[in-house]
Amino acid sequence: MTKEHDPHYQDVLKISRIAAHLEAIQSLLGWDQETYMPPSAIEFRSQQHEIIASQIHKHQTSHDFQQALSNLIDLATGQIKIPSLSNAGKAAAREWRRDYLKNTKLPLSFVEKFAKATSISQHVWMQAKQHNDFQSFAPHLKNCIELCKEKANYLGYEEHPYDALLDLYEPGMKTSIISPIFSKLKIALKELIKEICAKKNPSYPFLLREFPAVQQLEFSKNILQAFGFSNEYSRLDQSAHPFCSALNPLDIRMTTRIVNGYPLSNIFSVIHEAGHGIYEAQLSIHEYGSPLGSAISLGIHESQSRFWETFIGKSHAFWRHFFPILNKKFPQSLSDVDLNNFYCAINEVRPSLIRVEADEVTYCLHVILRFEIEIGLVEGSIQVEDLPEVWNEKMIDLLGISPLSDAVGCLQDIHWSMGAIGYFPTYALGNIYAAQIFQAFEEHHSNWEERVGMGEFLFIREWLQTHLHQYGREFTPCEIIKKITDNHLDSTPYIKYLRDKFTPIYNL
């Protein structure tokens, strides 16, 4: 049973749930493509993606859905037609209308073309990354950029074409809002990095010792179990790029990757994806298929993964519990290492090439780099052919280093091959949101470090479910942040958090 018993609401939910099931099938195809699919199957898989995308679009824009939704809300004005709906039900109608208006702006032929092109592009990207061959990927990337420009024109925008793409991932967000926030953050981060790099940076050779893959995965599963995951509704596999694919709250697929000589990559990838998984697992099962059973935005989603990965997973309290377990798992590699030394090692600040491996202080600069490049690609001030050179120049400006190959430079992320232009800013927004949410969490649980140090984690899940997860999309990103923190989007708590954390570590 859902919260809403109104028959018109149920009619909309019935059709919407079919589309949700089809999206789950699409996600399953994507998960399989990244984990177990034989490489030669890509052409057939791209056709499967095209067919499923077409069916999803048909259900989301069908005459039946339009008629059912029109009984709930005036599609032209947004006026609610069923006064007896709860506030949550009215919010669902509002979000259904928002999605419908966007979906109907995209022709079916374009949806099919986009799905097929990006499926092939992802496969080409994977090969190009493996062989450090940007030239083979460039035509596909150029096509993805053109398709995204075409999508922006279909969707429409008031200020900047990038806004139409950004709004797909972070509803209500605009370039004019993000740009000043990122500018402030960039200045603060570059200054903090300068201060840290002026200090003597110790080395941690024990991280380069042997950490067998089998034991790494076993340890990662220990963490997932402590976070409340079980084999009944989740699984962990390996892929080229770690991700979490939630087919529904009872089917959470997480992946990680094992990097030789760098065990922290796997550990923190798993914690990161677990944050996504917890969010998805705690969405309403009864509202599956409606906006009330869906995540608010990618920025809020990312706030949950960064909340767990950094604010919890890289805390001293977390490792007071888990370091002895890790030590037992790898006695030959860690027997001579103490907790404080390990804590400093996992929080080392050192400008690096790979975004997903970046430390907390440098991470957002990787995102800002991509944001600035995406703006240029959409505006046309940056050409795809010049991307490697532009990338390297920006890396030097922001982080003081430059990649020796495109594989660890402009080819490192899968997102552009997916046609996900406008996605990257949500990673930095996620950090900003997470800091604001964590600040509110600390006010409710001032003893959280003591409890985490004893291996307690479920109380964190419960707090997040109460204050965020249970609402689905009842509130917009800005509204939920205001509801949780009583403040608007603000990078100040994130900057303060980083200052407070790294000042004692580096004696600033």
Protein backbone atom coordinates (compact mmCIF):
# COMPACT_ATOMS: atom_id res chain seq x y z
CA MET A 1 0.00 0.00 0.00
CA THR A 2 1.13 3.53 -0.70
CA LYS A 3 0.51 6.56 1.44
CA GLU A 4 -1.90 7.92 -1.16
CA HIS A 5 -5.18 6.03 -1.68
CA ASP A 6 -6.64 8.44 -4.23
CA PRO A 7 -7.50 6.38 -7.36
CA HIS A 8 -6.07 9.03 -9.70
CA TYR A 9 -2.76 8.89 -7.83
CA GLN A 10 -2.80 5.10 -8.09
CA ASP A 11 -3.42 5.31 -11.85
CA VAL A 12 -0.33 7.49 -12.33
CA LEU A 13 1.76 5.28 -10.03
CA LYS A 14 0.77 2.13 -11.94
CA ILE A 15 2.10 3.49 -15.24
CA SER A 16 5.09 5.14 -13.61
CA ARG A 17 6.05 1.88 -11.90
CA ILE A 18 6.20 0.10 -15.27
CA ALA A 19 8.70 2.72 -16.44
CA ALA A 20 10.68 2.21 -13.21
CA HIS A 21 10.87 -1.53 -13.87
CA LEU A 22 12.09 -0.85 -17.40
CA GLU A 23 14.73 1.54 -16.00
CA ALA A 24 15.82 -1.24 -13.66
CA ILE A 25 16.22 -3.55 -16.65
CA GLN A 26 18.26 -0.84 -18.38
CA SER A 27 20.44 -0.53 -15.26
CA LEU A 28 20.88 -4.29 -15.18
CA LEU A 29 22.08 -4.24 -18.79
CA GLY A 30 24.55 -1.49 -17.88
CA TRP A 31 25.74 -3.33 -14.77
CA ASP A 32 26.29 -6.51 -16.79
CA GLN A 33 28.11 -4.57 -19.51
CA GLU A 34 30.58 -3.21 -16.94
CA THR A 35 31.08 -6.49 -15.06
CA TYR A 36 30.52 -9.74 -16.95
CA MET A 37 29.52 -9.09 -20.57
CA PRO A 38 31.91 -10.51 -23.19
CA PRO A 39 33.46 -7.59 -25.15
CA SER A 40 32.27 -8.88 -28.51
CA ALA A 41 28.63 -8.52 -27.44
CA ILE A 42 28.71 -4.72 -27.48
CA GLU A 43 26.81 -4.26 -30.76
CA PHE A 44 23.90 -6.39 -29.58
CA ARG A 45 24.01 -4.71 -26.17
CA SER A 46 23.82 -1.25 -27.75
CA GLN A 47 20.70 -2.38 -29.65
CA GLN A 48 19.20 -3.68 -26.40
CA HIS A 49 19.87 -0.32 -24.74
CA GLU A 50 18.20 1.43 -27.66
CA ILE A 51 15.07 -0.73 -27.40
CA ILE A 52 14.75 -0.36 -23.61
CA ALA A 53 15.33 3.40 -23.75
CA SER A 54 12.59 3.62 -26.36
CA GLN A 55 10.15 1.66 -24.20
CA ILE A 56 10.91 3.78 -21.12
CA HIS A 57 10.34 6.97 -23.07
CA LYS A 58 7.06 5.66 -24.51
CA HIS A 59 5.70 4.87 -21.05
CA GLN A 60 6.84 8.19 -19.61
CA THR A 61 5.23 10.17 -22.43
CA SER A 62 2.25 7.97 -23.33
CA HIS A 63 -1.27 9.29 -23.79
CA ASP A 64 -2.43 7.11 -20.88
CA PHE A 65 0.19 8.64 -18.58
CA GLN A 66 -0.69 12.14 -19.73
CA GLN A 67 -4.39 11.54 -19.06
CA ALA A 68 -3.74 10.00 -15.65
CA LEU A 69 -1.37 12.78 -14.62
CA SER A 70 -3.79 15.43 -15.87
CA ASN A 71 -6.30 14.19 -13.32
CA LEU A 72 -3.81 15.02 -10.55
CA ILE A 73 -2.27 18.26 -11.75
CA ASP A 74 -2.81 20.82 -14.50
CA LEU A 75 0.08 20.16 -16.89
CA ALA A 76 0.07 23.73 -18.16
CA THR A 77 -0.07 25.61 -14.85
CA GLY A 78 1.04 23.11 -12.21
CA GLN A 79 -2.19 23.60 -10.24
CA ILE A 80 -3.02 20.56 -8.06
CA LYS A 81 -6.50 19.17 -8.91
CA ILE A 82 -6.92 16.83 -5.92
CA PRO A 83 -6.95 19.00 -2.76
CA SER A 84 -7.18 15.90 -0.54
CA LEU A 85 -3.68 14.77 -1.51
CA SER A 86 -1.15 14.94 1.30
CA ASN A 87 1.76 17.36 0.99
CA ALA A 88 3.91 14.42 -0.08
CA GLY A 89 1.35 13.41 -2.70
CA LYS A 90 1.22 16.95 -4.05
CA ALA A 91 5.03 16.97 -4.24
CA ALA A 92 4.92 13.68 -6.18
CA ALA A 93 2.47 15.20 -8.65
CA ARG A 94 4.73 18.24 -9.01
CA GLU A 95 7.78 16.04 -9.75
CA TRP A 96 5.87 13.75 -12.10
CA ARG A 97 4.80 16.85 -14.04
CA ARG A 98 8.38 18.14 -14.12
CA ASP A 99 9.66 14.82 -15.48
CA TYR A 100 6.82 14.54 -17.99
CA LEU A 101 7.40 18.01 -19.42
CA LYS A 102 11.09 17.28 -19.85
CA ASN A 103 10.52 13.86 -21.38
CA THR A 104 7.98 15.13 -23.89
CA LYS A 105 10.46 17.68 -25.14
CA LEU A 106 12.78 14.86 -26.31
CA PRO A 107 11.67 13.14 -29.53
CA LEU A 108 11.65 9.35 -29.37
CA SER A 109 14.05 9.18 -32.32
CA PHE A 110 16.54 11.30 -30.35
CA VAL A 111 16.21 9.13 -27.21
CA GLU A 112 16.92 6.00 -29.25
CA LYS A 113 19.85 7.63 -31.05
CA PHE A 114 21.34 8.90 -27.78
CA ALA A 115 21.04 5.50 -26.04
CA LYS A 116 22.69 3.61 -28.90
CA ALA A 117 25.47 6.15 -29.43
CA THR A 118 26.43 6.31 -25.75
CA SER A 119 26.38 2.54 -25.34
CA ILE A 120 28.92 2.20 -28.17
CA SER A 121 30.85 5.22 -26.90
CA GLN A 122 31.29 3.65 -23.44
CA HIS A 123 32.74 0.53 -24.99
CA VAL A 124 35.14 2.54 -27.20
CA TRP A 125 36.16 4.64 -24.18
CA MET A 126 37.06 1.53 -22.20
CA GLN A 127 39.32 0.32 -25.01
CA ALA A 128 40.81 3.78 -25.55
CA LYS A 129 41.65 4.11 -21.87
CA GLN A 130 43.30 0.71 -21.78
CA HIS A 131 45.45 1.55 -24.80
CA ASN A 132 46.00 5.27 -24.10
CA ASP A 133 44.40 6.08 -27.44
CA PHE A 134 42.48 9.35 -27.26
CA GLN A 135 42.27 9.64 -31.04
CA SER A 136 40.10 6.53 -31.29
CA PHE A 137 37.67 7.93 -28.73
CA ALA A 138 37.65 11.55 -29.97
CA PRO A 139 35.00 11.07 -32.74
CA HIS A 140 32.67 9.36 -30.28
CA LEU A 141 33.21 12.07 -27.67
CA LYS A 142 32.54 14.73 -30.28
CA ASN A 143 29.29 12.98 -31.16
CA CYS A 144 28.32 12.80 -27.48
CA ILE A 145 28.95 16.54 -27.07
CA GLU A 146 26.85 17.34 -30.14
CA LEU A 147 24.05 15.10 -28.88
CA CYS A 148 24.14 16.88 -25.50
CA LYS A 149 23.93 20.27 -27.23
CA GLU A 150 20.98 18.95 -29.18
CA LYS A 151 19.40 17.74 -25.93
CA ALA A 152 19.90 21.17 -24.34
CA ASN A 153 18.11 22.80 -27.25
CA TYR A 154 15.20 20.38 -26.97
CA LEU A 155 14.91 20.95 -23.21
CA GLY A 156 15.32 24.72 -23.41
CA TYR A 157 17.06 27.14 -21.07
CA GLU A 158 16.93 30.78 -20.00
CA GLU A 159 20.56 31.71 -19.38
CA HIS A 160 23.06 29.12 -20.61
CA PRO A 161 22.74 25.86 -22.59
CA TYR A 162 24.71 24.10 -19.86
CA ASP A 163 21.86 24.87 -17.44
CA ALA A 164 19.52 22.50 -19.31
CA LEU A 165 22.00 19.64 -18.87
CA LEU A 166 22.87 20.51 -15.27
CA ASP A 167 19.18 20.59 -14.34
CA LEU A 168 18.82 16.94 -15.39
CA TYR A 169 21.09 15.92 -12.53
CA GLU A 170 20.57 18.74 -10.02
CA PRO A 171 17.05 20.19 -10.36
CA GLY A 172 16.95 23.96 -10.14
CA MET A 173 20.72 24.42 -10.28
CA LYS A 174 22.22 26.88 -12.76
CA THR A 175 25.68 27.79 -13.99
CA SER A 176 25.24 31.26 -12.51
CA ILE A 177 24.70 29.72 -9.04
CA ILE A 178 27.50 27.18 -9.18
CA SER A 179 30.21 29.37 -10.72
CA PRO A 180 30.65 31.77 -7.76
CA ILE A 181 30.45 28.90 -5.25
CA PHE A 182 33.13 26.98 -7.13
CA SER A 183 35.26 30.11 -7.49
CA LYS A 184 35.21 30.65 -3.72
CA LEU A 185 35.97 26.97 -3.14
CA LYS A 186 38.81 26.97 -5.66
CA ILE A 187 40.56 29.89 -3.96
CA ALA A 188 40.19 28.32 -0.50
CA LEU A 189 41.40 24.89 -1.63
CA LYS A 190 44.42 26.19 -3.54
CA GLU A 191 45.45 28.19 -0.46
CA LEU A 192 45.06 25.19 1.86
CA ILE A 193 47.02 22.96 -0.53
CA LYS A 194 49.79 25.56 -0.68
CA GLU A 195 50.05 25.60 3.12
CA ILE A 196 50.06 21.80 3.36
CA CYS A 197 52.61 21.32 0.57
CA ALA A 198 54.93 23.78 2.33
CA LYS A 199 55.16 21.24 5.16
CA LYS A 200 57.38 18.20 4.99
CA ASN A 201 55.23 15.41 3.59
CA PRO A 202 56.17 12.04 5.13
CA SER A 203 56.04 8.88 3.07
CA TYR A 204 54.03 5.82 3.96
CA PRO A 205 55.82 2.88 2.31
CA PHE A 206 53.65 0.31 4.08
CA LEU A 207 50.81 1.20 1.69
CA LEU A 208 52.89 -0.18 -1.16
CA ARG A 209 53.27 -3.59 0.40
CA GLU A 210 51.44 -6.73 -0.69
CA PHE A 211 47.69 -6.71 -0.05
CA PRO A 212 46.23 -9.76 -1.84
CA ALA A 213 43.02 -9.08 -3.74
CA VAL A 214 41.02 -11.88 -2.12
CA GLN A 215 41.66 -10.54 1.38
CA GLN A 216 40.93 -7.00 0.21
CA LEU A 217 37.48 -8.06 -0.97
CA GLU A 218 36.89 -9.99 2.25
CA PHE A 219 37.72 -6.90 4.31
CA SER A 220 35.46 -4.74 2.14
CA LYS A 221 32.59 -7.14 2.72
CA ASN A 222 33.24 -6.87 6.48
CA ILE A 223 32.67 -3.12 6.17
CA LEU A 224 29.47 -3.60 4.16
CA GLN A 225 28.17 -6.02 6.77
CA ALA A 226 28.88 -3.50 9.56
CA PHE A 227 26.96 -0.89 7.54
CA GLY A 228 23.92 -3.15 7.49
CA PHE A 229 24.24 -4.76 4.05
CA SER A 230 23.51 -8.45 3.53
CA ASN A 231 23.68 -10.88 0.62
CA GLU A 232 19.89 -10.96 0.67
CA TYR A 233 19.62 -7.61 -1.10
CA SER A 234 23.11 -6.55 -2.21
CA ARG A 235 26.24 -7.78 -3.91
CA LEU A 236 29.79 -6.58 -4.57
CA ASP A 237 31.60 -7.20 -7.87
CA GLN A 238 34.56 -5.73 -9.75
CA SER A 239 34.53 -3.30 -12.68
CA ALA A 240 36.84 -0.83 -14.44
CA HIS A 241 35.10 2.09 -12.74
CA PRO A 242 33.47 1.59 -9.31
CA PHE A 243 29.74 2.30 -9.26
CA CYS A 244 26.49 1.47 -7.51
CA SER A 245 23.50 0.37 -9.56
CA ALA A 246 20.29 0.10 -7.56
CA LEU A 247 17.58 -1.78 -9.43
CA ASN A 248 15.22 -1.27 -6.48
CA PRO A 249 15.60 -1.03 -2.68
CA LEU A 250 15.94 -4.83 -2.50
CA ASP A 251 18.56 -5.19 -5.25
CA ILE A 252 21.67 -3.07 -4.72
CA ARG A 253 24.62 -3.81 -7.04
CA MET A 254 27.95 -2.28 -5.99
CA THR A 255 31.28 -2.63 -7.74
CA THR A 256 34.86 -1.86 -6.82
CA ARG A 257 38.27 -2.24 -8.39
CA ILE A 258 41.49 -3.70 -7.06
CA VAL A 259 44.52 -1.52 -7.82
CA ASN A 260 47.81 -3.34 -7.30
CA GLY A 261 49.91 -1.71 -4.59
CA TYR A 262 47.12 0.61 -3.51
CA PRO A 263 44.67 -1.14 -1.12
CA LEU A 264 43.04 2.13 -0.05
CA SER A 265 41.56 2.48 -3.53
CA ASN A 266 39.35 -0.56 -3.03
CA ILE A 267 38.51 0.17 0.60
CA PHE A 268 37.31 3.70 0.03
CA SER A 269 35.62 2.86 -3.27
CA VAL A 270 33.52 0.31 -1.40
CA ILE A 271 32.66 2.76 1.40
CA HIS A 272 31.78 5.38 -1.22
CA GLU A 273 29.48 3.06 -3.18
CA ALA A 274 28.00 1.82 0.10
CA GLY A 275 26.88 5.39 0.78
CA HIS A 276 24.98 5.36 -2.51
CA GLY A 277 23.63 1.90 -1.72
CA ILE A 278 22.37 2.87 1.73
CA TYR A 279 20.45 5.80 0.24
CA GLU A 280 18.80 3.59 -2.38
CA ALA A 281 18.05 0.79 0.10
CA GLN A 282 16.30 3.21 2.45
CA LEU A 283 13.98 4.73 -0.13
CA SER A 284 10.32 3.76 0.22
CA ILE A 285 9.54 0.34 -1.23
CA HIS A 286 5.81 1.18 -1.21
CA GLU A 287 6.46 4.27 -3.32
CA TYR A 288 8.73 2.48 -5.80
CA GLY A 289 8.11 4.02 -9.21
CA SER A 290 6.95 7.36 -7.85
CA PRO A 291 9.05 10.44 -7.09
CA LEU A 292 8.52 9.69 -3.39
CA GLY A 293 10.50 6.46 -3.90
CA SER A 294 13.34 8.14 -5.80
CA ALA A 295 16.51 9.99 -4.83
CA ILE A 296 16.32 13.79 -4.88
CA SER A 297 19.30 14.54 -7.12
CA LEU A 298 22.78 13.37 -7.98
CA GLY A 299 24.29 16.06 -5.77
CA ILE A 300 22.31 14.82 -2.77
CA HIS A 301 23.15 11.25 -3.79
CA GLU A 302 26.84 12.13 -3.87
CA SER A 303 26.52 13.78 -0.47
CA GLN A 304 25.60 10.39 0.92
CA SER A 305 28.58 8.58 -0.59
CA ARG A 306 31.00 11.30 0.52
CA PHE A 307 29.36 11.45 3.96
CA TRP A 308 30.24 7.79 4.50
CA GLU A 309 33.53 7.71 2.59
CA THR A 310 35.20 10.78 4.09
CA PHE A 311 33.36 12.16 7.11
CA ILE A 312 32.90 8.66 8.57
CA GLY A 313 35.30 6.38 6.65
CA LYS A 314 38.36 8.61 6.97
CA SER A 315 37.75 9.53 10.58
CA HIS A 316 40.02 8.41 13.42
CA ALA A 317 36.99 6.88 15.12
CA PHE A 318 36.21 4.61 12.15
CA TRP A 319 39.69 3.15 12.16
CA ARG A 320 39.80 2.70 15.91
CA HIS A 321 37.32 -0.05 15.17
CA PHE A 322 38.48 -1.29 11.76
CA PHE A 323 42.28 -0.97 11.93
CA PRO A 324 42.72 -3.99 14.25
CA ILE A 325 40.55 -6.01 11.85
CA LEU A 326 42.60 -4.81 8.86
CA ASN A 327 45.81 -5.64 10.74
CA LYS A 328 44.64 -9.20 11.32
CA LYS A 329 43.72 -9.53 7.65
CA PHE A 330 47.18 -8.35 6.50
CA PRO A 331 49.59 -9.08 9.40
CA GLN A 332 52.69 -9.22 7.22
CA SER A 333 51.97 -5.79 5.73
CA LEU A 334 50.74 -3.88 8.77
CA SER A 335 52.20 -5.51 11.89
CA ASP A 336 54.70 -2.67 12.38
CA VAL A 337 52.16 0.14 11.72
CA ASP A 338 50.22 1.92 14.48
CA LEU A 339 46.79 3.48 14.24
CA ASN A 340 47.92 7.12 14.25
CA ASN A 341 50.42 6.52 11.46
CA PHE A 342 47.75 4.73 9.42
CA TYR A 343 45.27 7.57 10.06
CA CYS A 344 47.77 10.12 8.75
CA ALA A 345 48.47 7.90 5.74
CA ILE A 346 44.83 7.63 4.69
CA ASN A 347 44.48 11.39 5.07
CA GLU A 348 47.66 12.31 3.22
CA VAL A 349 47.25 15.37 1.01
CA ARG A 350 49.21 15.10 -2.19
CA PRO A 351 48.10 16.45 -5.58
CA SER A 352 47.49 13.45 -7.82
CA LEU A 353 46.25 12.66 -11.30
CA ILE A 354 43.18 10.48 -10.68
CA ARG A 355 39.97 12.03 -9.38
CA VAL A 356 38.61 8.90 -7.70
CA GLU A 357 41.91 8.44 -5.84
CA ALA A 358 42.21 12.10 -4.82
CA ASP A 359 42.45 13.14 -1.20
CA GLU A 360 39.76 15.26 0.44
CA VAL A 361 41.54 18.58 -0.04
CA THR A 362 42.36 18.23 -3.73
CA TYR A 363 39.24 16.30 -4.78
CA CYS A 364 36.96 19.22 -5.63
CA LEU A 365 39.63 20.81 -7.81
CA HIS A 366 39.41 17.73 -10.05
CA VAL A 367 35.67 18.38 -10.32
CA ILE A 368 36.07 22.10 -10.97
CA LEU A 369 38.51 21.28 -13.77
CA ARG A 370 35.89 19.10 -15.46
CA PHE A 371 33.17 21.69 -14.87
CA GLU A 372 35.21 24.38 -16.60
CA ILE A 373 36.01 22.06 -19.51
CA GLU A 374 32.37 21.04 -19.93
CA ILE A 375 31.32 24.68 -20.09
CA GLY A 376 33.93 25.22 -22.81
CA LEU A 377 32.85 22.14 -24.79
CA VAL A 378 29.19 23.19 -24.71
CA GLU A 379 29.98 26.82 -25.58
CA GLY A 380 32.40 25.74 -28.30
CA SER A 381 35.37 27.62 -26.81
CA ILE A 382 37.08 24.24 -26.31
CA GLN A 383 37.31 21.74 -29.16
CA VAL A 384 37.39 17.99 -28.57
CA GLU A 385 40.64 17.72 -30.54
CA ASP A 386 42.31 20.11 -28.09
CA LEU A 387 41.01 18.38 -24.97
CA PRO A 388 44.26 16.60 -23.92
CA GLU A 389 46.22 19.85 -24.08
CA VAL A 390 43.53 21.86 -22.28
CA TRP A 391 43.24 19.16 -19.63
CA ASN A 392 46.97 19.15 -18.94
CA GLU A 393 47.14 22.94 -18.72
CA LYS A 394 44.32 23.05 -16.19
CA MET A 395 45.90 20.27 -14.14
CA ILE A 396 49.06 22.34 -13.84
CA ASP A 397 47.10 25.45 -12.88
CA LEU A 398 44.92 23.78 -10.27
CA LEU A 399 47.12 21.02 -8.90
CA GLY A 400 50.61 21.75 -10.12
CA ILE A 401 51.01 18.42 -11.92
CA SER A 402 50.44 17.11 -15.44
CA PRO A 403 49.65 13.56 -16.65
CA LEU A 404 52.16 11.73 -18.79
CA SER A 405 49.39 9.94 -20.69
CA ASP A 406 45.75 10.58 -21.62
CA ALA A 407 44.78 7.31 -19.90
CA VAL A 408 45.41 9.01 -16.55
CA GLY A 409 44.33 12.38 -17.94
CA CYS A 410 41.28 13.20 -20.00
CA LEU A 411 40.38 9.52 -20.56
CA GLN A 412 40.18 8.55 -16.90
CA ASP A 413 36.40 8.99 -16.36
CA ILE A 414 33.52 7.14 -17.97
CA HIS A 415 30.98 9.97 -17.71
CA TRP A 416 31.56 11.79 -20.99
CA SER A 417 31.30 8.52 -22.91
CA MET A 418 27.87 8.13 -21.29
CA GLY A 419 26.83 11.54 -22.58
CA ALA A 420 26.59 12.69 -18.96
CA ILE A 421 27.54 16.33 -19.52
CA GLY A 422 26.40 18.36 -16.50
CA TYR A 423 26.99 15.44 -14.13
CA PHE A 424 30.45 16.33 -12.74
CA PRO A 425 29.43 19.45 -10.75
CA THR A 426 27.24 17.23 -8.58
CA TYR A 427 30.42 15.64 -7.17
CA ALA A 428 31.57 18.94 -5.68
CA LEU A 429 28.04 19.85 -4.66
CA GLY A 430 27.91 16.49 -2.92
CA ASN A 431 30.90 17.41 -0.75
CA ILE A 432 29.36 20.77 0.11
CA TYR A 433 25.98 19.21 0.94
CA ALA A 434 27.70 16.44 2.94
CA ALA A 435 29.52 18.95 5.14
CA GLN A 436 26.29 20.78 5.87
CA ILE A 437 24.43 17.52 6.61
CA PHE A 438 27.29 16.22 8.76
CA GLN A 439 27.28 19.42 10.79
CA ALA A 440 23.60 18.82 11.57
CA PHE A 441 24.28 15.14 12.33
CA GLU A 442 26.99 16.09 14.84
CA GLU A 443 24.55 18.38 16.63
CA HIS A 444 22.19 15.43 17.11
CA HIS A 445 24.91 12.88 17.91
CA SER A 446 27.76 14.64 19.70
CA ASN A 447 29.07 11.23 20.84
CA TRP A 448 29.19 9.74 17.33
CA GLU A 449 32.96 9.19 17.46
CA GLU A 450 32.69 7.09 20.60
CA ARG A 451 29.94 4.94 19.07
CA VAL A 452 31.68 4.53 15.70
CA GLY A 453 34.91 3.63 17.52
CA MET A 454 32.99 0.73 19.09
CA GLY A 455 31.76 -0.44 15.68
CA GLU A 456 28.27 1.08 15.78
CA PHE A 457 27.03 2.34 12.40
CA LEU A 458 23.33 1.60 12.16
CA PHE A 459 22.41 4.69 14.18
CA ILE A 460 23.92 6.77 11.37
CA ARG A 461 21.73 5.00 8.81
CA GLU A 462 18.69 5.62 11.00
CA TRP A 463 19.44 9.34 11.35
CA LEU A 464 19.91 9.73 7.60
CA GLN A 465 16.71 7.85 6.89
CA THR A 466 14.75 10.01 9.33
CA HIS A 467 16.10 13.34 8.09
CA LEU A 468 16.65 12.64 4.38
CA HIS A 469 16.05 9.22 2.82
CA GLN A 470 12.41 8.72 3.79
CA TYR A 471 11.26 11.77 1.85
CA GLY A 472 12.28 10.68 -1.64
CA ARG A 473 11.77 13.71 -3.88
CA GLU A 474 9.19 15.36 -1.67
CA PHE A 475 11.61 18.29 -1.35
CA THR A 476 13.99 19.88 -3.84
CA PRO A 477 17.76 19.79 -3.11
CA CYS A 478 17.69 23.33 -1.74
CA GLU A 479 14.59 22.63 0.34
CA ILE A 480 15.96 19.46 1.95
CA ILE A 481 19.24 21.18 2.86
CA LYS A 482 17.27 24.02 4.42
CA LYS A 483 15.07 21.51 6.27
CA ILE A 484 18.05 19.54 7.64
CA THR A 485 20.45 22.39 8.38
CA ASP A 486 18.27 25.51 8.55
CA ASN A 487 20.69 27.07 6.05
CA HIS A 488 21.01 27.46 2.29
CA LEU A 489 23.68 25.91 0.05
CA ASP A 490 26.98 27.19 1.39
CA SER A 491 30.57 25.99 0.96
CA THR A 492 31.69 27.57 4.26
CA PRO A 493 31.02 24.45 6.43
CA TYR A 494 33.01 22.30 3.97
CA ILE A 495 35.96 24.69 3.95
CA LYS A 496 35.85 24.88 7.76
CA TYR A 497 35.67 21.08 8.05
CA LEU A 498 38.80 20.68 5.93
CA ARG A 499 40.65 23.37 7.89
CA ASP A 500 39.67 21.85 11.23
CA LYS A 501 40.65 18.34 10.16
CA PHE A 502 43.95 18.96 8.41
CA THR A 503 45.36 21.69 10.63
CA PRO A 504 46.35 19.22 13.39
CA ILE A 505 47.44 16.53 10.92
CA TYR A 506 49.90 18.93 9.24
CA ASN A 507 50.54 21.35 12.12
CA LEU A 508 49.38 24.31 10.06
